[in-house]
Amino acid sequence: MKKTYKTMGMPVTIDIIDEKANRNVFDKIYSYFRYIDHKFSTYKKNSEITLINRKKITPESYSKDMKTILQAMIH
């Protein structure tokens, strides 16, 4: 099963080789890609990383995922 979505400014193809997989898995995977795009896109004016870069939110307000990524960058 294969499905292509447009996200992050490009096509993303999800190819699931398990023929018995539930088709809802595509929606779950695509939802995750949208979540990542919303958090980390420097092109979206309301993404978390954009708000951080504009000093609109403080480090105490960063999401757990953002803190994890930023922490990984300094180690």
C-alpha atoms as a PDB file:
ATOM      1  CA  MET A   1       0.000   0.000   0.000  1.00  0.00           C
ATOM      2  CA  LYS A   2       1.368   3.357  -0.977  1.00  0.00           C
ATOM      3  CA  LYS A   3       0.077   6.870  -0.525  1.00  0.00           C
ATOM      4  CA  THR A   4       1.642  10.267  -1.295  1.00  0.00           C
ATOM      5  CA  TYR A   5       0.918  13.446   0.623  1.00  0.00           C
ATOM      6  CA  LYS A   6       2.252  16.936   0.230  1.00  0.00           C
ATOM      7  CA  THR A   7       3.817  18.240   3.418  1.00  0.00           C
ATOM      8  CA  MET A   8       6.843  20.300   4.373  1.00  0.00           C
ATOM      9  CA  GLY A   9       6.763  21.795   0.880  1.00  0.00           C
ATOM     10  CA  MET A  10       7.356  18.484  -0.862  1.00  0.00           C
ATOM     11  CA  PRO A  11       5.683  15.189  -1.662  1.00  0.00           C
ATOM     12  CA  VAL A  12       6.099  12.514   0.981  1.00  0.00           C
ATOM     13  CA  THR A  13       5.335   8.929   0.024  1.00  0.00           C
ATOM     14  CA  ILE A  14       4.401   6.398   2.653  1.00  0.00           C
ATOM     15  CA  ASP A  15       4.850   2.823   1.483  1.00  0.00           C
ATOM     16  CA  ILE A  16       3.567   0.097   3.792  1.00  0.00           C
ATOM     17  CA  ILE A  17       4.603  -3.392   2.808  1.00  0.00           C
ATOM     18  CA  ASP A  18       2.268  -5.218   5.204  1.00  0.00           C
ATOM     19  CA  GLU A  19      -0.819  -6.014   3.109  1.00  0.00           C
ATOM     20  CA  LYS A  20      -2.828  -6.617   6.278  1.00  0.00           C
ATOM     21  CA  ALA A  21      -2.087  -3.194   7.758  1.00  0.00           C
ATOM     22  CA  ASN A  22      -5.038  -1.029   8.621  1.00  0.00           C
ATOM     23  CA  ARG A  23      -5.445   1.830   6.134  1.00  0.00           C
ATOM     24  CA  ASN A  24      -5.833   4.250   9.055  1.00  0.00           C
ATOM     25  CA  VAL A  25      -2.108   3.906   9.617  1.00  0.00           C
ATOM     26  CA  PHE A  26      -1.573   6.336   6.704  1.00  0.00           C
ATOM     27  CA  ASP A  27      -3.555   8.998   8.533  1.00  0.00           C
ATOM     28  CA  LYS A  28      -1.585   8.425  11.735  1.00  0.00           C
ATOM     29  CA  ILE A  29       1.748   8.703   9.942  1.00  0.00           C
ATOM     30  CA  TYR A  30       0.683  11.772   7.972  1.00  0.00           C
ATOM     31  CA  SER A  31      -0.611  13.354  11.177  1.00  0.00           C
ATOM     32  CA  TYR A  32       2.851  12.903  12.673  1.00  0.00           C
ATOM     33  CA  PHE A  33       4.463  14.622   9.666  1.00  0.00           C
ATOM     34  CA  ARG A  34       2.027  17.541  10.033  1.00  0.00           C
ATOM     35  CA  TYR A  35       2.879  17.762  13.728  1.00  0.00           C
ATOM     36  CA  ILE A  36       6.623  17.912  12.979  1.00  0.00           C
ATOM     37  CA  ASP A  37       6.034  20.520  10.271  1.00  0.00           C
ATOM     38  CA  HIS A  38       3.985  22.636  12.678  1.00  0.00           C
ATOM     39  CA  LYS A  39       6.719  22.474  15.340  1.00  0.00           C
ATOM     40  CA  PHE A  40       9.875  22.843  13.300  1.00  0.00           C
ATOM     41  CA  SER A  41       9.067  24.648  10.047  1.00  0.00           C
ATOM     42  CA  THR A  42      11.002  27.885   9.748  1.00  0.00           C
ATOM     43  CA  TYR A  43       8.631  28.847   6.924  1.00  0.00           C
ATOM     44  CA  LYS A  44       5.453  28.858   9.010  1.00  0.00           C
ATOM     45  CA  LYS A  45       4.868  32.079  10.920  1.00  0.00           C
ATOM     46  CA  ASN A  46       3.210  30.275  13.846  1.00  0.00           C
ATOM     47  CA  SER A  47       5.487  27.254  14.157  1.00  0.00           C
ATOM     48  CA  GLU A  48       7.111  26.780  17.515  1.00  0.00           C
ATOM     49  CA  ILE A  49      10.621  27.285  16.137  1.00  0.00           C
ATOM     50  CA  THR A  50       9.582  30.535  14.451  1.00  0.00           C
ATOM     51  CA  LEU A  51       8.045  31.782  17.688  1.00  0.00           C
ATOM     52  CA  ILE A  52      11.261  30.873  19.496  1.00  0.00           C
ATOM     53  CA  ASN A  53      13.376  32.666  16.904  1.00  0.00           C
ATOM     54  CA  ARG A  54      11.183  35.764  17.278  1.00  0.00           C
ATOM     55  CA  LYS A  55      11.450  35.514  21.076  1.00  0.00           C
ATOM     56  CA  LYS A  56       7.661  35.197  21.363  1.00  0.00           C
ATOM     57  CA  ILE A  57       7.919  32.269  23.791  1.00  0.00           C
ATOM     58  CA  THR A  58      10.315  31.593  26.625  1.00  0.00           C
ATOM     59  CA  PRO A  59      12.351  28.419  27.169  1.00  0.00           C
ATOM     60  CA  GLU A  60      10.006  27.435  29.981  1.00  0.00           C
ATOM     61  CA  SER A  61       7.173  27.312  27.436  1.00  0.00           C
ATOM     62  CA  TYR A  62       8.958  25.132  24.866  1.00  0.00           C
ATOM     63  CA  SER A  63       7.291  21.818  24.117  1.00  0.00           C
ATOM     64  CA  LYS A  64       8.916  18.623  25.347  1.00  0.00           C
ATOM     65  CA  ASP A  65       9.826  17.711  21.752  1.00  0.00           C
ATOM     66  CA  MET A  66      11.483  21.085  21.183  1.00  0.00           C
ATOM     67  CA  LYS A  67      13.473  20.766  24.405  1.00  0.00           C
ATOM     68  CA  THR A  68      14.604  17.281  23.366  1.00  0.00           C
ATOM     69  CA  ILE A  69      15.805  18.479  19.962  1.00  0.00           C
ATOM     70  CA  LEU A  70      17.560  21.550  21.348  1.00  0.00           C
ATOM     71  CA  GLN A  71      19.227  19.447  24.034  1.00  0.00           C
ATOM     72  CA  ALA A  72      20.455  16.965  21.415  1.00  0.00           C
ATOM     73  CA  MET A  73      21.973  19.828  19.428  1.00  0.00           C
ATOM     74  CA  ILE A  74      24.270  20.880  22.263  1.00  0.00           C
ATOM     75  CA  HIS A  75      25.540  17.386  23.053  1.00  0.00           C
END
